[in-house]
Structure formats: C-alpha cells, structure tokens
PDB file of N, CA and C in Angstrom:
ATOM      1  N   MET A   1     151.306 102.809  91.328  1.00  0.00           N
ATOM      2  CA  MET A   1     150.099 102.595  90.140  1.00  0.00           C
ATOM      3  C   MET A   1     149.752 103.738  89.388  1.00  0.00           C
ATOM      4  N   PRO A   2     150.062 105.066  89.213  1.00  0.00           N
ATOM      5  CA  PRO A   2     149.995 106.091  88.198  1.00  0.00           C
ATOM      6  C   PRO A   2     150.855 105.449  87.093  1.00  0.00           C
ATOM      7  N   ALA A   3     151.939 104.705  87.192  1.00  0.00           N
ATOM      8  CA  ALA A   3     152.694 104.293  86.078  1.00  0.00           C
ATOM      9  C   ALA A   3     151.776 103.334  85.443  1.00  0.00           C
ATOM     10  N   LEU A   4     151.110 102.332  85.473  1.00  0.00           N
ATOM     11  CA  LEU A   4     150.619 101.259  84.997  1.00  0.00           C
ATOM     12  C   LEU A   4     149.072 101.915  84.478  1.00  0.00           C
ATOM     13  N   ILE A   5     148.602 102.728  85.240  1.00  0.00           N
ATOM     14  CA  ILE A   5     147.332 103.851  84.467  1.00  0.00           C
ATOM     15  C   ILE A   5     148.010 104.042  83.173  1.00  0.00           C
ATOM     16  N   ALA A   6     149.065 105.074  83.345  1.00  0.00           N
ATOM     17  CA  ALA A   6     149.743 105.771  82.089  1.00  0.00           C
ATOM     18  C   ALA A   6     150.141 104.982  81.045  1.00  0.00           C
ATOM     19  N   CYS A   7     150.555 103.759  81.290  1.00  0.00           N
ATOM     20  CA  CYS A   7     150.460 102.946  80.343  1.00  0.00           C
ATOM     21  C   CYS A   7     149.386 102.300  79.609  1.00  0.00           C
ATOM     22  N   ARG A   8     148.487 102.020  80.110  1.00  0.00           N
ATOM     23  CA  ARG A   8     147.138 101.853  79.591  1.00  0.00           C
ATOM     24  C   ARG A   8     146.795 103.050  78.730  1.00  0.00           C
ATOM     25  N   PHE A   9     146.681 104.741  79.262  1.00  0.00           N
ATOM     26  CA  PHE A   9     145.842 105.243  78.944  1.00  0.00           C
ATOM     27  C   PHE A   9     146.613 106.367  77.979  1.00  0.00           C
ATOM     28  N   ASN A  10     147.602 106.476  78.139  1.00  0.00           N
ATOM     29  CA  ASN A  10     148.414 107.379  77.565  1.00  0.00           C
ATOM     30  C   ASN A  10     149.542 107.063  76.101  1.00  0.00           C
ATOM     31  N   PRO A  11     148.946 107.648  75.150  1.00  0.00           N
ATOM     32  CA  PRO A  11     149.693 106.809  74.424  1.00  0.00           C
ATOM     33  C   PRO A  11     151.301 107.124  74.148  1.00  0.00           C
ATOM     34  N   ASN A  12     151.376 107.970  74.332  1.00  0.00           N
ATOM     35  CA  ASN A  12     153.087 108.341  74.484  1.00  0.00           C
ATOM     36  C   ASN A  12     154.012 107.340  75.570  1.00  0.00           C
ATOM     37  N   LEU A  13     153.281 107.203  77.168  1.00  0.00           N
ATOM     38  CA  LEU A  13     153.860 106.661  77.649  1.00  0.00           C
ATOM     39  C   LEU A  13     153.924 104.957  77.285  1.00  0.00           C
ATOM     40  N   GLU A  14     152.674 104.909  76.831  1.00  0.00           N
ATOM     41  CA  GLU A  14     152.148 103.125  76.397  1.00  0.00           C
ATOM     42  C   GLU A  14     153.347 102.706  75.072  1.00  0.00           C
ATOM     43  N   ALA A  15     153.433 103.725  74.132  1.00  0.00           N
ATOM     44  CA  ALA A  15     154.823 103.518  73.354  1.00  0.00           C
ATOM     45  C   ALA A  15     155.886 103.267  73.703  1.00  0.00           C
ATOM     46  N   LYS A  16     156.301 103.988  74.755  1.00  0.00           N
ATOM     47  CA  LYS A  16     157.738 103.411  75.208  1.00  0.00           C
ATOM     48  C   LYS A  16     157.676 102.282  76.242  1.00  0.00           C
ATOM     49  N   TYR A  17     156.722 102.347  76.838  1.00  0.00           N
ATOM     50  CA  TYR A  17     156.210 100.660  77.644  1.00  0.00           C
ATOM     51  C   TYR A  17     156.899  99.623  76.651  1.00  0.00           C
ATOM     52  N   HIS A  18     155.728  99.707  75.573  1.00  0.00           N
ATOM     53  CA  HIS A  18     156.179  98.579  74.331  1.00  0.00           C
ATOM     54  C   HIS A  18     157.285  98.469  73.849  1.00  0.00           C
ATOM     55  N   GLN A  19     158.155  99.562  73.917  1.00  0.00           N
ATOM     56  CA  GLN A  19     159.161 100.007  72.715  1.00  0.00           C
ATOM     57  C   GLN A  19     160.658  99.207  73.675  1.00  0.00           C
ATOM     58  N   LEU A  20     160.441  99.405  75.073  1.00  0.00           N
ATOM     59  CA  LEU A  20     161.077  98.223  76.205  1.00  0.00           C
ATOM     60  C   LEU A  20     160.715  97.071  76.229  1.00  0.00           C
ATOM     61  N   LYS A  21     159.488  97.003  76.320  1.00  0.00           N
ATOM     62  CA  LYS A  21     159.044  95.761  76.508  1.00  0.00           C
ATOM     63  C   LYS A  21     159.851  94.859  75.296  1.00  0.00           C
ATOM     64  N   ALA A  22     159.805  95.347  74.211  1.00  0.00           N
ATOM     65  CA  ALA A  22     159.923  94.536  72.664  1.00  0.00           C
ATOM     66  C   ALA A  22     161.183  94.209  72.673  1.00  0.00           C
ATOM     67  N   ALA A  23     162.210  95.276  73.656  1.00  0.00           N
ATOM     68  CA  ALA A  23     163.626  95.123  73.671  1.00  0.00           C
ATOM     69  C   ALA A  23     164.201  94.114  74.525  1.00  0.00           C
ATOM     70  N   GLY A  24     162.916  93.193  75.085  1.00  0.00           N
ATOM     71  CA  GLY A  24     163.707  92.318  76.302  1.00  0.00           C
ATOM     72  C   GLY A  24     163.817  92.521  77.341  1.00  0.00           C
ATOM     73  N   LYS A  25     163.113  93.911  77.988  1.00  0.00           N
ATOM     74  CA  LYS A  25     163.794  94.462  79.353  1.00  0.00           C
ATOM     75  C   LYS A  25     163.174  93.529  80.427  1.00  0.00           C
ATOM     76  N   PRO A  26     163.055  93.728  81.606  1.00  0.00           N
ATOM     77  CA  PRO A  26     162.311  93.238  82.768  1.00  0.00           C
ATOM     78  C   PRO A  26     161.449  94.048  82.959  1.00  0.00           C
ATOM     79  N   ALA A  27     160.205  93.345  83.186  1.00  0.00           N
ATOM     80  CA  ALA A  27     158.474  94.307  83.396  1.00  0.00           C
ATOM     81  C   ALA A  27     159.140  95.569  84.673  1.00  0.00           C
ATOM     82  N   LYS A  28     159.970  95.188  85.770  1.00  0.00           N
ATOM     83  CA  LYS A  28     159.877  96.159  86.739  1.00  0.00           C
ATOM     84  C   LYS A  28     160.597  97.750  85.822  1.00  0.00           C
ATOM     85  N   LEU A  29     161.614  97.256  84.940  1.00  0.00           N
ATOM     86  CA  LEU A  29     162.191  98.488  84.448  1.00  0.00           C
ATOM     87  C   LEU A  29     161.620  98.774  83.564  1.00  0.00           C
ATOM     88  N   ASP A  30     160.644  98.164  82.998  1.00  0.00           N
ATOM     89  CA  ASP A  30     159.771  98.645  81.780  1.00  0.00           C
ATOM     90  C   ASP A  30     158.910 100.106  82.808  1.00  0.00           C
ATOM     91  N   ILE A  31     158.215  99.548  83.856  1.00  0.00           N
ATOM     92  CA  ILE A  31     157.396 100.240  84.736  1.00  0.00           C
ATOM     93  C   ILE A  31     158.320 101.453  85.163  1.00  0.00           C
ATOM     94  N   THR A  32     159.439 101.275  85.630  1.00  0.00           N
ATOM     95  CA  THR A  32     160.041 102.480  86.079  1.00  0.00           C
ATOM     96  C   THR A  32     160.669 102.892  85.404  1.00  0.00           C
ATOM     97  N   ALA A  33     160.382 102.906  84.098  1.00  0.00           N
ATOM     98  CA  ALA A  33     161.169 104.148  83.270  1.00  0.00           C
ATOM     99  C   ALA A  33     159.794 105.099  82.730  1.00  0.00           C
ATOM    100  N   VAL A  34     158.657 104.574  82.685  1.00  0.00           N
ATOM    101  CA  VAL A  34     157.268 104.821  82.821  1.00  0.00           C
ATOM    102  C   VAL A  34     157.553 106.046  84.263  1.00  0.00           C
ATOM    103  N   MET A  35     157.349 105.652  84.982  1.00  0.00           N
ATOM    104  CA  MET A  35     157.307 106.392  86.257  1.00  0.00           C
ATOM    105  C   MET A  35     158.166 107.337  86.560  1.00  0.00           C
ATOM    106  N   ARG A  36     159.534 107.154  85.845  1.00  0.00           N
ATOM    107  CA  ARG A  36     160.900 108.341  86.345  1.00  0.00           C
ATOM    108  C   ARG A  36     160.046 109.631  84.643  1.00  0.00           C
ATOM    109  N   ARG A  37     159.399 108.872  83.806  1.00  0.00           N
ATOM    110  CA  ARG A  37     159.002 109.890  83.017  1.00  0.00           C
ATOM    111  C   ARG A  37     157.868 110.872  83.155  1.00  0.00           C
ATOM    112  N   LEU A  38     156.893 109.878  83.941  1.00  0.00           N
ATOM    113  CA  LEU A  38     155.950 110.911  84.988  1.00  0.00           C
ATOM    114  C   LEU A  38     156.282 111.965  85.367  1.00  0.00           C
ATOM    115  N   VAL A  39     157.500 111.568  86.354  1.00  0.00           N
ATOM    116  CA  VAL A  39     158.495 112.392  87.356  1.00  0.00           C
ATOM    117  C   VAL A  39     158.661 113.650  86.728  1.00  0.00           C
ATOM    118  N   ILE A  40     159.930 113.500  85.437  1.00  0.00           N
ATOM    119  CA  ILE A  40     159.815 114.378  84.836  1.00  0.00           C
ATOM    120  C   ILE A  40     159.149 115.385  84.274  1.00  0.00           C
ATOM    121  N   LEU A  41     157.685 114.850  84.003  1.00  0.00           N
ATOM    122  CA  LEU A  41     156.750 115.564  83.138  1.00  0.00           C
ATOM    123  C   LEU A  41     155.625 116.471  84.285  1.00  0.00           C
ATOM    124  N   ALA A  42     155.857 115.870  85.531  1.00  0.00           N
ATOM    125  CA  ALA A  42     155.153 116.839  86.469  1.00  0.00           C
ATOM    126  C   ALA A  42     156.489 118.143  87.193  1.00  0.00           C
ATOM    127  N   VAL A  43     157.387 117.629  87.195  1.00  0.00           N
ATOM    128  CA  VAL A  43     158.470 118.594  87.344  1.00  0.00           C
ATOM    129  C   VAL A  43     158.610 119.428  86.747  1.00  0.00           C
ATOM    130  N   ALA A  44     158.493 119.317  85.707  1.00  0.00           N
ATOM    131  CA  ALA A  44     158.375 120.506  84.052  1.00  0.00           C
ATOM    132  C   ALA A  44     157.084 121.215  83.943  1.00  0.00           C
ATOM    133  N   LEU A  45     155.501 120.772  84.874  1.00  0.00           N
ATOM    134  CA  LEU A  45     154.426 121.586  84.308  1.00  0.00           C
ATOM    135  C   LEU A  45     154.377 121.963  85.415  1.00  0.00           C
ATOM    136  N   LEU A  46     154.616 121.518  86.568  1.00  0.00           N
ATOM    137  CA  LEU A  46     154.097 122.116  87.662  1.00  0.00           C
ATOM    138  C   LEU A  46     154.959 123.603  88.733  1.00  0.00           C
ATOM    139  N   PRO A  47     155.869 123.843  87.914  1.00  0.00           N
ATOM    140  CA  PRO A  47     156.339 125.271  88.260  1.00  0.00           C
ATOM    141  C   PRO A  47     155.292 126.202  87.812  1.00  0.00           C
ATOM    142  N   ASP A  48     154.926 125.794  86.583  1.00  0.00           N
ATOM    143  CA  ASP A  48     154.368 127.192  85.773  1.00  0.00           C
ATOM    144  C   ASP A  48     152.626 126.895  85.757  1.00  0.00           C
ATOM    145  N   TYR A  49     152.401 125.751  86.502  1.00  0.00           N
ATOM    146  CA  TYR A  49     150.975 125.502  86.300  1.00  0.00           C
ATOM    147  C   TYR A  49     150.522 125.236  85.595  1.00  0.00           C
ATOM    148  N   ARG A  50     151.040 124.303  84.413  1.00  0.00           N
ATOM    149  CA  ARG A  50     150.734 124.238  83.330  1.00  0.00           C
ATOM    150  C   ARG A  50     149.627 122.727  83.450  1.00  0.00           C
ATOM    151  N   LYS A  51     148.730 122.538  82.813  1.00  0.00           N
ATOM    152  CA  LYS A  51     147.899 121.257  82.147  1.00  0.00           C
ATOM    153  C   LYS A  51     148.831 120.488  81.072  1.00  0.00           C
ATOM    154  N   TRP A  52     148.740 119.339  81.270  1.00  0.00           N
ATOM    155  CA  TRP A  52     149.545 118.438  80.419  1.00  0.00           C
ATOM    156  C   TRP A  52     148.423 118.472  79.088  1.00  0.00           C
ATOM    157  N   THR A  53     148.965 118.664  78.121  1.00  0.00           N
ATOM    158  CA  THR A  53     148.494 118.152  76.676  1.00  0.00           C
ATOM    159  C   THR A  53     148.901 117.240  76.228  1.00  0.00           C
ATOM    160  N   PRO A  54     148.023 116.516  75.311  1.00  0.00           N
ATOM    161  CA  PRO A  54     148.713 115.592  74.378  1.00  0.00           C
ATOM    162  C   PRO A  54     149.896 115.971  73.012  1.00  0.00           C
ATOM    163  N   LYS A  55     150.675 115.402  72.935  1.00  0.00           N
ATOM    164  CA  LYS A  55     151.204 115.716  71.351  1.00  0.00           C
ATOM    165  C   LYS A  55     149.952 115.192  70.031  1.00  0.00           C
ATOM    166  N   SER A  56     149.751 116.584  68.956  1.00  0.00           N
ATOM    167  CA  SER A  56     149.005 116.148  67.944  1.00  0.00           C
ATOM    168  C   SER A  56     150.054 115.417  67.261  1.00  0.00           C
ATOM    169  N   ALA A  57     149.398 114.469  66.446  1.00  0.00           N
ATOM    170  CA  ALA A  57     150.101 113.606  65.453  1.00  0.00           C
ATOM    171  C   ALA A  57     150.133 114.522  63.909  1.00  0.00           C
TER     172      ALA A  57
END
C-alpha cells in the first residue's frame, strides 16, 4: 500500500513508475520497483534519524 500512495504523491517515484509503465513492464513489476526504492530510501534515512526531503528542481 505505501508504494501505491508513493506513486500518487511522490513526484520522483511517480516518474519512475510511469517510466517503467511506458516501457511496457507489467503493473506488478512497476509497483515492486517503487517498493524497492522505498525500502532503499528507508534504509538510507533511518540510521541517521533523517527525514526525507524532496529534490529541488
């Protein structure tokens, strides 16, 4: 469920989701890729007690 919400409200993850979808990947693979990115993000932020901040364009 967090991956579905991230696809809707996080611009970076939404872009990755649409990129994979445009490449013709199955829907479950697209969501799994977003889940993996969320896990990697959590592993990077949690040890230092940092909060996520969006990239500035």
